[in-house]
Amino acid sequence: MDQHMKNTQLLAWGLVGLLGASTAGTGMAQKVTPTEIFMRQKLAYSQNIVEGIALEKYDLVVTNATKIWRMTQTNAWLSTKNIIYESKTDKFQKDVAALVDAARTKDTRVMLVAYSKVTADCVSCHQTCRREQFVQQQLWRTNTPASTKAENSK
């Protein structure tokens, strides 16, 4: 095995460890929303993609990347009606399609580059969406009478 392949596998296994650590439970019970369930499924598919890249299981990459792409076609994904989110979704879909193409051609180097773009798309979208959600919550808290907030928290 050449040095490039060793580096690629080391990077991929590092990503698996990082993803596993980020999904470890805190031990505290909390209500799980449908969005959290949906995103955890996406994360599981992502972990399978990393495994496929590391072990050169191209079919595993194709299968799980296709599942992620299909998730972007569901109502849960499309419900935001946000122009920025839609633009980010378009880029994400194109990058996932490039990942699938790279896996089908069994080009590990191109596949790893494509996966890094998909991951960057996820991080960028989450940063944008979370920032918007935070701003919306702050505006709601600032502009909503206390009596309305109490009723909505029930």
N, C-alpha and C. Protein backbone atom coordinates (compact mmCIF):
# COMPACT_ATOMS: atom_id res chain seq x y z
N MET A 1 0.87 -1.17 0.00
CA MET A 1 0.00 0.00 0.00
C MET A 1 0.91 1.23 0.00
N ASP A 2 0.68 2.16 -0.93
CA ASP A 2 1.53 3.35 -1.02
C ASP A 2 1.20 4.34 0.10
N GLN A 3 2.08 5.32 0.25
CA GLN A 3 1.93 6.29 1.33
C GLN A 3 0.65 7.10 1.21
N HIS A 4 0.27 7.47 -0.03
CA HIS A 4 -0.96 8.24 -0.24
C HIS A 4 -2.18 7.48 0.29
N MET A 5 -2.25 6.19 -0.02
CA MET A 5 -3.37 5.37 0.43
C MET A 5 -3.38 5.26 1.95
N LYS A 6 -2.21 5.13 2.55
CA LYS A 6 -2.14 5.07 4.01
C LYS A 6 -2.64 6.38 4.62
N ASN A 7 -2.22 7.51 4.03
CA ASN A 7 -2.68 8.81 4.53
C ASN A 7 -4.19 8.96 4.37
N THR A 8 -4.71 8.50 3.24
CA THR A 8 -6.15 8.58 2.99
C THR A 8 -6.92 7.76 4.02
N GLN A 9 -6.45 6.54 4.27
CA GLN A 9 -7.13 5.69 5.25
C GLN A 9 -7.01 6.27 6.65
N LEU A 10 -5.87 6.81 6.99
CA LEU A 10 -5.68 7.42 8.31
C LEU A 10 -6.64 8.59 8.49
N LEU A 11 -6.75 9.44 7.47
CA LEU A 11 -7.68 10.56 7.53
C LEU A 11 -9.11 10.07 7.67
N ALA A 12 -9.49 9.09 6.88
CA ALA A 12 -10.86 8.58 6.94
C ALA A 12 -11.16 7.97 8.30
N TRP A 13 -10.26 7.20 8.87
CA TRP A 13 -10.51 6.62 10.19
C TRP A 13 -10.55 7.70 11.27
N GLY A 14 -9.75 8.75 11.09
CA GLY A 14 -9.82 9.87 12.01
C GLY A 14 -11.20 10.53 11.98
N LEU A 15 -11.76 10.65 10.76
CA LEU A 15 -13.11 11.20 10.63
C LEU A 15 -14.14 10.30 11.30
N VAL A 16 -13.97 8.99 11.16
CA VAL A 16 -14.89 8.05 11.82
C VAL A 16 -14.85 8.27 13.33
N GLY A 17 -13.63 8.39 13.89
CA GLY A 17 -13.50 8.61 15.32
C GLY A 17 -14.12 9.93 15.76
N LEU A 18 -13.90 10.96 14.97
CA LEU A 18 -14.47 12.27 15.28
C LEU A 18 -15.99 12.23 15.23
N LEU A 19 -16.54 11.60 14.21
CA LEU A 19 -18.00 11.50 14.10
C LEU A 19 -18.57 10.69 15.26
N GLY A 20 -17.89 9.61 15.62
CA GLY A 20 -18.37 8.78 16.72
C GLY A 20 -18.34 9.54 18.04
N ALA A 21 -17.29 10.30 18.26
CA ALA A 21 -17.19 11.08 19.49
C ALA A 21 -18.25 12.18 19.55
N SER A 22 -18.55 12.75 18.39
CA SER A 22 -19.53 13.84 18.39
C SER A 22 -20.95 13.35 18.59
N THR A 23 -21.19 12.06 18.37
CA THR A 23 -22.54 11.54 18.53
C THR A 23 -22.73 10.80 19.85
N ALA A 24 -21.68 10.74 20.67
CA ALA A 24 -21.80 10.05 21.95
C ALA A 24 -22.80 10.76 22.84
N GLY A 25 -23.63 9.99 23.52
CA GLY A 25 -24.67 10.57 24.38
C GLY A 25 -24.09 11.21 25.63
N THR A 26 -24.84 12.09 26.19
CA THR A 26 -24.40 12.75 27.41
C THR A 26 -24.95 12.05 28.65
N GLY A 27 -25.83 11.10 28.45
CA GLY A 27 -26.40 10.39 29.58
C GLY A 27 -27.61 11.08 30.15
N MET A 28 -27.92 12.28 29.69
CA MET A 28 -29.07 13.02 30.19
C MET A 28 -30.24 12.82 29.25
N ALA A 29 -31.41 12.55 29.79
CA ALA A 29 -32.60 12.36 28.97
C ALA A 29 -33.08 13.72 28.47
N GLN A 30 -33.40 13.76 27.18
CA GLN A 30 -33.94 14.99 26.63
C GLN A 30 -34.86 14.62 25.48
N LYS A 31 -35.77 15.52 25.18
CA LYS A 31 -36.73 15.31 24.11
C LYS A 31 -36.01 15.41 22.77
N VAL A 32 -36.22 14.43 21.91
CA VAL A 32 -35.60 14.40 20.60
C VAL A 32 -36.63 14.84 19.58
N THR A 33 -36.27 15.84 18.80
CA THR A 33 -37.20 16.37 17.80
C THR A 33 -37.10 15.56 16.51
N PRO A 34 -38.13 15.64 15.66
CA PRO A 34 -38.06 14.97 14.36
C PRO A 34 -36.87 15.43 13.53
N THR A 35 -36.51 16.70 13.63
CA THR A 35 -35.35 17.21 12.89
C THR A 35 -34.07 16.55 13.39
N GLU A 36 -33.95 16.39 14.70
CA GLU A 36 -32.76 15.72 15.25
C GLU A 36 -32.68 14.28 14.79
N ILE A 37 -33.79 13.59 14.75
CA ILE A 37 -33.82 12.20 14.27
C ILE A 37 -33.38 12.16 12.81
N PHE A 38 -33.93 13.06 12.02
CA PHE A 38 -33.60 13.16 10.60
C PHE A 38 -32.11 13.40 10.40
N MET A 39 -31.55 14.36 11.14
CA MET A 39 -30.15 14.71 10.98
C MET A 39 -29.23 13.62 11.51
N ARG A 40 -29.66 12.92 12.53
CA ARG A 40 -28.85 11.79 13.02
C ARG A 40 -28.80 10.67 11.99
N GLN A 41 -29.89 10.49 11.24
CA GLN A 41 -29.87 9.50 10.17
C GLN A 41 -28.88 9.92 9.09
N LYS A 42 -28.87 11.21 8.77
CA LYS A 42 -27.90 11.73 7.80
C LYS A 42 -26.48 11.49 8.30
N LEU A 43 -26.26 11.70 9.58
CA LEU A 43 -24.95 11.47 10.18
C LEU A 43 -24.56 9.99 10.09
N ALA A 44 -25.50 9.10 10.31
CA ALA A 44 -25.22 7.66 10.19
C ALA A 44 -24.80 7.31 8.76
N TYR A 45 -25.50 7.87 7.78
CA TYR A 45 -25.11 7.64 6.39
C TYR A 45 -23.70 8.18 6.13
N SER A 46 -23.40 9.34 6.72
CA SER A 46 -22.08 9.94 6.55
C SER A 46 -20.99 9.04 7.15
N GLN A 47 -21.28 8.46 8.30
CA GLN A 47 -20.31 7.54 8.91
C GLN A 47 -20.06 6.34 8.00
N ASN A 48 -21.12 5.84 7.37
CA ASN A 48 -20.96 4.72 6.45
C ASN A 48 -20.13 5.12 5.22
N ILE A 49 -20.28 6.36 4.79
CA ILE A 49 -19.48 6.85 3.66
C ILE A 49 -18.00 6.88 4.04
N VAL A 50 -17.71 7.39 5.23
CA VAL A 50 -16.32 7.43 5.69
C VAL A 50 -15.74 6.01 5.75
N GLU A 51 -16.53 5.08 6.26
CA GLU A 51 -16.08 3.68 6.30
C GLU A 51 -15.81 3.17 4.89
N GLY A 52 -16.70 3.48 3.97
CA GLY A 52 -16.52 3.04 2.59
C GLY A 52 -15.27 3.63 1.96
N ILE A 53 -14.99 4.90 2.25
CA ILE A 53 -13.77 5.53 1.71
C ILE A 53 -12.54 4.87 2.31
N ALA A 54 -12.54 4.69 3.62
CA ALA A 54 -11.37 4.13 4.31
C ALA A 54 -11.06 2.71 3.85
N LEU A 55 -12.10 1.94 3.64
CA LEU A 55 -11.91 0.52 3.30
C LEU A 55 -12.06 0.24 1.81
N GLU A 56 -12.20 1.31 1.03
CA GLU A 56 -12.40 1.20 -0.42
C GLU A 56 -13.58 0.29 -0.77
N LYS A 57 -14.65 0.46 0.01
CA LYS A 57 -15.91 -0.23 -0.26
C LYS A 57 -16.79 0.77 -1.03
N TYR A 58 -16.55 0.83 -2.33
CA TYR A 58 -17.18 1.86 -3.15
C TYR A 58 -18.71 1.74 -3.16
N ASP A 59 -19.21 0.52 -3.13
CA ASP A 59 -20.67 0.33 -3.10
C ASP A 59 -21.28 0.93 -1.84
N LEU A 60 -20.57 0.85 -0.72
CA LEU A 60 -21.05 1.42 0.53
C LEU A 60 -21.14 2.95 0.41
N VAL A 61 -20.17 3.54 -0.27
CA VAL A 61 -20.20 4.99 -0.49
C VAL A 61 -21.37 5.35 -1.39
N VAL A 62 -21.52 4.64 -2.51
CA VAL A 62 -22.60 4.93 -3.45
C VAL A 62 -23.95 4.81 -2.76
N THR A 63 -24.16 3.72 -2.04
CA THR A 63 -25.44 3.48 -1.37
C THR A 63 -25.79 4.57 -0.38
N ASN A 64 -24.85 4.92 0.48
CA ASN A 64 -25.13 5.90 1.54
C ASN A 64 -25.17 7.33 1.03
N ALA A 65 -24.36 7.65 0.04
CA ALA A 65 -24.44 8.98 -0.56
C ALA A 65 -25.76 9.15 -1.28
N THR A 66 -26.22 8.10 -1.93
CA THR A 66 -27.52 8.15 -2.61
C THR A 66 -28.64 8.35 -1.59
N LYS A 67 -28.53 7.68 -0.44
CA LYS A 67 -29.55 7.85 0.60
C LYS A 67 -29.56 9.29 1.12
N ILE A 68 -28.38 9.89 1.27
CA ILE A 68 -28.33 11.28 1.71
C ILE A 68 -28.94 12.18 0.65
N TRP A 69 -28.62 11.93 -0.61
CA TRP A 69 -29.19 12.75 -1.68
C TRP A 69 -30.71 12.64 -1.68
N ARG A 70 -31.22 11.43 -1.48
CA ARG A 70 -32.68 11.25 -1.42
C ARG A 70 -33.30 11.99 -0.25
N MET A 71 -32.58 12.10 0.85
CA MET A 71 -33.10 12.85 2.00
C MET A 71 -33.37 14.30 1.61
N THR A 72 -32.56 14.84 0.70
CA THR A 72 -32.73 16.23 0.29
C THR A 72 -33.99 16.43 -0.54
N GLN A 73 -34.66 15.35 -0.90
CA GLN A 73 -35.89 15.43 -1.69
C GLN A 73 -37.14 15.31 -0.82
N THR A 74 -36.97 15.14 0.48
CA THR A 74 -38.10 14.92 1.38
C THR A 74 -38.67 16.23 1.89
N ASN A 75 -39.89 16.18 2.38
CA ASN A 75 -40.54 17.35 2.95
C ASN A 75 -39.77 17.91 4.15
N ALA A 76 -39.18 17.03 4.93
CA ALA A 76 -38.42 17.49 6.09
C ALA A 76 -37.27 18.39 5.67
N TRP A 77 -36.70 18.12 4.52
CA TRP A 77 -35.58 18.91 4.03
C TRP A 77 -36.06 20.19 3.36
N LEU A 78 -37.15 20.09 2.61
CA LEU A 78 -37.60 21.19 1.77
C LEU A 78 -38.55 22.16 2.45
N SER A 79 -38.86 21.95 3.70
CA SER A 79 -39.92 22.71 4.37
C SER A 79 -39.54 24.13 4.76
N THR A 80 -38.29 24.51 4.67
CA THR A 80 -37.89 25.82 5.20
C THR A 80 -38.32 27.00 4.34
N LYS A 81 -38.38 26.81 3.04
CA LYS A 81 -38.74 27.91 2.11
C LYS A 81 -37.79 29.10 2.28
N ASN A 82 -36.53 28.83 2.52
CA ASN A 82 -35.51 29.85 2.72
C ASN A 82 -34.59 29.85 1.51
N ILE A 83 -34.42 31.01 0.86
CA ILE A 83 -33.63 31.10 -0.36
C ILE A 83 -32.17 30.69 -0.13
N ILE A 84 -31.58 31.13 0.96
CA ILE A 84 -30.19 30.77 1.26
C ILE A 84 -30.08 29.26 1.46
N TYR A 85 -31.01 28.70 2.20
CA TYR A 85 -31.03 27.26 2.46
C TYR A 85 -31.19 26.49 1.16
N GLU A 86 -32.06 26.97 0.28
CA GLU A 86 -32.26 26.31 -1.01
C GLU A 86 -30.99 26.34 -1.85
N SER A 87 -30.28 27.45 -1.83
CA SER A 87 -29.02 27.58 -2.56
C SER A 87 -27.98 26.60 -2.01
N LYS A 88 -27.90 26.52 -0.70
CA LYS A 88 -26.97 25.59 -0.07
C LYS A 88 -27.35 24.14 -0.38
N THR A 89 -28.65 23.87 -0.45
CA THR A 89 -29.11 22.53 -0.79
C THR A 89 -28.71 22.16 -2.21
N ASP A 90 -28.86 23.10 -3.14
CA ASP A 90 -28.45 22.84 -4.52
C ASP A 90 -26.97 22.47 -4.60
N LYS A 91 -26.12 23.22 -3.90
CA LYS A 91 -24.69 22.93 -3.90
C LYS A 91 -24.42 21.58 -3.26
N PHE A 92 -25.08 21.31 -2.16
CA PHE A 92 -24.93 20.03 -1.47
C PHE A 92 -25.30 18.87 -2.40
N GLN A 93 -26.42 18.98 -3.09
CA GLN A 93 -26.86 17.91 -4.00
C GLN A 93 -25.83 17.68 -5.10
N LYS A 94 -25.28 18.75 -5.66
CA LYS A 94 -24.27 18.60 -6.71
C LYS A 94 -23.01 17.93 -6.17
N ASP A 95 -22.60 18.31 -4.97
CA ASP A 95 -21.40 17.72 -4.38
C ASP A 95 -21.63 16.26 -4.00
N VAL A 96 -22.82 15.92 -3.54
CA VAL A 96 -23.13 14.51 -3.24
C VAL A 96 -23.14 13.70 -4.55
N ALA A 97 -23.68 14.26 -5.61
CA ALA A 97 -23.68 13.58 -6.91
C ALA A 97 -22.25 13.35 -7.40
N ALA A 98 -21.36 14.32 -7.18
CA ALA A 98 -19.95 14.16 -7.55
C ALA A 98 -19.30 13.05 -6.72
N LEU A 99 -19.69 12.95 -5.47
CA LEU A 99 -19.19 11.87 -4.60
C LEU A 99 -19.63 10.51 -5.13
N VAL A 100 -20.88 10.40 -5.50
CA VAL A 100 -21.40 9.14 -6.06
C VAL A 100 -20.64 8.79 -7.34
N ASP A 101 -20.44 9.78 -8.21
CA ASP A 101 -19.71 9.54 -9.47
C ASP A 101 -18.28 9.06 -9.20
N ALA A 102 -17.61 9.69 -8.24
CA ALA A 102 -16.24 9.29 -7.90
C ALA A 102 -16.20 7.87 -7.35
N ALA A 103 -17.19 7.52 -6.53
CA ALA A 103 -17.23 6.16 -5.98
C ALA A 103 -17.49 5.13 -7.08
N ARG A 104 -18.34 5.49 -8.01
CA ARG A 104 -18.63 4.56 -9.13
C ARG A 104 -17.40 4.33 -10.00
N THR A 105 -16.55 5.34 -10.14
CA THR A 105 -15.32 5.18 -10.93
C THR A 105 -14.18 4.62 -10.09
N LYS A 106 -14.44 4.41 -8.81
CA LYS A 106 -13.47 3.83 -7.87
C LYS A 106 -12.18 4.64 -7.79
N ASP A 107 -12.36 5.97 -7.80
CA ASP A 107 -11.23 6.88 -7.68
C ASP A 107 -11.21 7.44 -6.26
N THR A 108 -10.43 6.80 -5.42
CA THR A 108 -10.43 7.14 -3.99
C THR A 108 -10.01 8.59 -3.75
N ARG A 109 -9.02 9.06 -4.47
CA ARG A 109 -8.54 10.42 -4.27
C ARG A 109 -9.65 11.44 -4.59
N VAL A 110 -10.30 11.27 -5.73
CA VAL A 110 -11.38 12.18 -6.12
C VAL A 110 -12.57 12.03 -5.16
N MET A 111 -12.82 10.80 -4.72
CA MET A 111 -13.91 10.53 -3.79
C MET A 111 -13.67 11.26 -2.46
N LEU A 112 -12.44 11.25 -1.99
CA LEU A 112 -12.12 11.92 -0.73
C LEU A 112 -12.28 13.44 -0.86
N VAL A 113 -11.87 13.99 -1.99
CA VAL A 113 -12.06 15.43 -2.22
C VAL A 113 -13.55 15.76 -2.27
N ALA A 114 -14.32 14.92 -2.96
CA ALA A 114 -15.77 15.14 -3.05
C ALA A 114 -16.41 15.06 -1.67
N TYR A 115 -15.99 14.09 -0.86
CA TYR A 115 -16.56 13.96 0.48
C TYR A 115 -16.22 15.17 1.34
N SER A 116 -15.01 15.70 1.17
CA SER A 116 -14.65 16.89 1.97
C SER A 116 -15.54 18.07 1.57
N LYS A 117 -15.92 18.17 0.30
CA LYS A 117 -16.84 19.24 -0.13
C LYS A 117 -18.23 19.03 0.48
N VAL A 118 -18.69 17.78 0.50
CA VAL A 118 -19.99 17.48 1.09
C VAL A 118 -19.99 17.85 2.57
N THR A 119 -18.92 17.49 3.27
CA THR A 119 -18.81 17.81 4.68
C THR A 119 -18.78 19.33 4.90
N ALA A 120 -18.03 20.03 4.07
CA ALA A 120 -17.97 21.49 4.18
C ALA A 120 -19.35 22.10 3.93
N ASP A 121 -20.11 21.52 2.98
CA ASP A 121 -21.48 22.00 2.72
C ASP A 121 -22.33 21.85 3.97
N CYS A 122 -22.22 20.71 4.63
CA CYS A 122 -23.01 20.47 5.85
C CYS A 122 -22.68 21.50 6.92
N VAL A 123 -21.39 21.69 7.17
CA VAL A 123 -20.96 22.62 8.21
C VAL A 123 -21.43 24.04 7.88
N SER A 124 -21.26 24.46 6.65
CA SER A 124 -21.68 25.79 6.23
C SER A 124 -23.18 26.00 6.43
N CYS A 125 -23.95 25.02 6.03
CA CYS A 125 -25.41 25.12 6.17
C CYS A 125 -25.82 25.16 7.64
N HIS A 126 -25.21 24.30 8.44
CA HIS A 126 -25.55 24.28 9.87
C HIS A 126 -25.19 25.60 10.53
N GLN A 127 -24.05 26.17 10.16
CA GLN A 127 -23.67 27.47 10.74
C GLN A 127 -24.69 28.53 10.36
N THR A 128 -25.11 28.55 9.12
CA THR A 128 -26.09 29.54 8.65
C THR A 128 -27.44 29.33 9.31
N CYS A 129 -27.92 28.10 9.28
CA CYS A 129 -29.26 27.82 9.82
C CYS A 129 -29.31 28.04 11.32
N ARG A 130 -28.32 27.61 12.02
CA ARG A 130 -28.31 27.80 13.48
C ARG A 130 -28.24 29.27 13.82
N ARG A 131 -27.45 30.04 13.07
CA ARG A 131 -27.36 31.47 13.31
C ARG A 131 -28.72 32.12 13.08
N GLU A 132 -29.39 31.75 11.98
CA GLU A 132 -30.72 32.29 11.70
C GLU A 132 -31.72 31.89 12.79
N GLN A 133 -31.65 30.64 13.23
CA GLN A 133 -32.56 30.19 14.29
C GLN A 133 -32.32 30.97 15.57
N PHE A 134 -31.06 31.22 15.89
CA PHE A 134 -30.73 31.98 17.10
C PHE A 134 -31.28 33.40 17.00
N VAL A 135 -31.06 34.04 15.84
CA VAL A 135 -31.55 35.41 15.66
C VAL A 135 -33.07 35.44 15.77
N GLN A 136 -33.75 34.48 15.15
CA GLN A 136 -35.22 34.43 15.21
C GLN A 136 -35.69 34.24 16.65
N GLN A 137 -35.02 33.39 17.41
CA GLN A 137 -35.41 33.18 18.81
C GLN A 137 -35.20 34.46 19.63
N GLN A 138 -34.10 35.16 19.37
CA GLN A 138 -33.83 36.40 20.10
C GLN A 138 -34.88 37.46 19.76
N LEU A 139 -35.24 37.55 18.49
CA LEU A 139 -36.28 38.51 18.08
C LEU A 139 -37.61 38.16 18.73
N TRP A 140 -37.93 36.87 18.77
CA TRP A 140 -39.19 36.43 19.37
C TRP A 140 -39.20 36.78 20.86
N ARG A 141 -38.09 36.51 21.54
CA ARG A 141 -38.02 36.81 22.97
C ARG A 141 -38.12 38.31 23.24
N THR A 142 -37.53 39.10 22.38
CA THR A 142 -37.52 40.55 22.56
C THR A 142 -38.87 41.17 22.25
N ASN A 143 -39.54 40.67 21.24
CA ASN A 143 -40.76 41.31 20.72
C ASN A 143 -42.06 40.64 21.14
N THR A 144 -41.99 39.61 21.97
CA THR A 144 -43.19 38.88 22.35
C THR A 144 -43.52 39.17 23.81
N PRO A 145 -44.78 39.53 24.09
CA PRO A 145 -45.19 39.77 25.49
C PRO A 145 -45.00 38.51 26.34
N ALA A 146 -44.72 38.70 27.60
CA ALA A 146 -44.48 37.59 28.52
C ALA A 146 -45.67 36.63 28.58
N SER A 147 -46.90 37.14 28.49
CA SER A 147 -48.08 36.26 28.56
C SER A 147 -48.13 35.30 27.37
N THR A 148 -47.74 35.76 26.18
CA THR A 148 -47.71 34.90 24.99
C THR A 148 -46.62 33.84 25.13
N LYS A 149 -45.45 34.25 25.64
CA LYS A 149 -44.36 33.30 25.82
C LYS A 149 -44.78 32.20 26.79
N ALA A 150 -45.46 32.54 27.87
CA ALA A 150 -45.90 31.55 28.85
C ALA A 150 -46.88 30.58 28.23
N GLU A 151 -47.79 31.07 27.40
CA GLU A 151 -48.76 30.18 26.73
C GLU A 151 -48.07 29.26 25.74
N ASN A 152 -47.09 29.75 25.00
CA ASN A 152 -46.40 28.94 24.00
C ASN A 152 -45.46 27.92 24.63
N SER A 153 -45.05 28.11 25.85
CA SER A 153 -44.13 27.18 26.48
C SER A 153 -44.85 26.00 27.11
N LYS A 154 -46.19 26.03 27.12
CA LYS A 154 -46.96 24.93 27.73
C LYS A 154 -46.99 23.74 26.84
